[in-house]
Protein backbone atom coordinates (compact mmCIF):
# COMPACT_ATOMS: atom_id res chain seq x y z
CA MET A 1 0.00 0.02 -0.05
CA THR A 2 2.70 2.44 0.92
CA GLY A 3 4.67 1.52 -2.13
CA ARG A 4 1.74 2.33 -4.38
CA ILE A 5 1.17 5.71 -2.61
CA ALA A 6 4.97 6.46 -3.12
CA GLY A 7 4.78 5.55 -6.73
CA LEU A 8 1.67 7.78 -7.22
CA VAL A 9 3.45 10.66 -5.54
CA ILE A 10 6.52 10.25 -7.86
CA VAL A 11 4.36 10.04 -11.03
CA ALA A 12 2.53 13.23 -9.81
CA LEU A 13 5.84 15.09 -9.21
CA VAL A 14 7.15 14.10 -12.71
CA ILE A 15 3.92 15.19 -14.37
CA VAL A 16 4.10 18.54 -12.53
CA TYR A 17 7.75 19.02 -13.53
CA ILE A 18 7.07 18.19 -17.13
CA GLY A 19 4.00 20.55 -17.12
CA ASP A 20 6.36 23.31 -15.70
CA TYR A 21 9.01 22.59 -18.26
CA ILE A 22 6.51 22.88 -21.10
CA ALA A 23 5.08 26.08 -19.73
CA ALA A 24 8.55 27.53 -19.34
CA ARG A 25 9.49 26.50 -22.88
CA MET A 26 6.29 27.92 -24.40
CA ARG A 27 7.17 31.46 -22.96
CA GLY A 28 10.31 31.19 -24.91
CA ASP A 29 13.84 32.41 -23.65
CA GLU A 30 12.12 34.80 -21.18
CA ILE A 31 15.11 34.61 -18.86
CA GLN A 32 14.89 37.49 -16.28
CA THR A 33 17.70 39.03 -14.09
CA VAL A 34 17.76 39.64 -10.39
CA GLN A 35 20.51 41.83 -8.80
CA VAL A 36 22.45 39.78 -6.26
CA SER A 37 24.70 41.44 -3.68
CA GLN A 38 27.88 39.60 -3.12
CA TYR A 39 30.01 39.75 0.18
CA TYR A 40 33.42 38.14 0.93
CA VAL A 41 33.62 36.26 4.19
CA ILE A 42 36.86 36.93 5.92
CA PRO A 43 37.74 34.58 8.84
CA LEU A 44 39.36 36.28 11.85
CA LYS A 45 41.90 34.82 14.25
CA ASN A 46 39.38 34.78 17.18
CA GLY A 47 36.91 32.57 15.33
CA GLN A 48 34.62 35.33 14.17
CA GLU A 49 33.98 36.43 10.66
CA GLN A 50 34.06 39.78 9.00
CA TYR A 51 32.15 40.66 5.90
CA ALA A 52 33.36 42.94 2.94
CA SER A 53 31.29 43.94 -0.01
CA ALA A 54 32.30 42.49 -3.31
CA GLY A 55 29.76 44.44 -5.29
CA SER A 56 26.72 42.99 -7.07
CA LYS A 57 25.89 41.08 -10.16
CA ASP A 58 22.91 40.16 -12.23
CA VAL A 59 21.71 36.61 -11.91
CA GLY A 60 19.68 35.03 -14.63
CA CYS A 61 16.40 33.18 -13.52
CA VAL A 62 13.29 31.65 -15.12
CA GLU A 63 9.75 32.25 -14.24
CA ALA A 64 8.90 28.63 -13.30
CA MET A 65 8.43 26.38 -10.15
CA PHE A 66 11.58 24.26 -10.78
CA PRO A 67 15.04 25.11 -12.30
CA HIS A 68 15.14 24.84 -16.08
CA PHE A 69 17.61 25.73 -18.74
CA GLY A 70 20.52 25.81 -16.31
CA ASP A 71 18.90 28.71 -14.27
CA ARG A 72 17.16 28.84 -10.85
CA PRO A 73 13.55 29.82 -10.68
CA CYS A 74 12.98 33.57 -10.00
CA TRP A 75 10.87 33.05 -6.90
CA TYR A 76 13.95 31.43 -5.23
CA VAL A 77 16.44 34.04 -6.54
CA ARG A 78 14.33 36.94 -5.26
CA ARG A 79 14.32 35.45 -1.76
CA HIS A 80 18.17 34.88 -1.79
CA THR A 81 19.55 38.30 -2.91
CA GLU A 82 22.75 37.88 -0.93
CA GLU A 83 25.66 35.69 -1.87
CA TYR A 84 28.63 35.00 0.52
CA ILE A 85 32.01 34.06 -1.06
CA ARG A 86 34.18 32.02 1.28
CA PRO A 87 37.94 31.41 0.83
């Protein structure tokens, strides 16, 4: 019984992913950009960290629920507008 439910859940997820891909493909190459601030993380001798701005960059994203075409979904990128660069 649980195997059948798990199988149905997997099939449903695959159908949703394929539908999302088709919808993104039908919109064409509508890749949007979101500005992301970058920061260097500098470890200090006392175990703390110091942050220094590294500027900002535009990150491409696709209007979809899942990542497609090598880009993350815009809803995710808009919620994660800070990127930390560690040595």
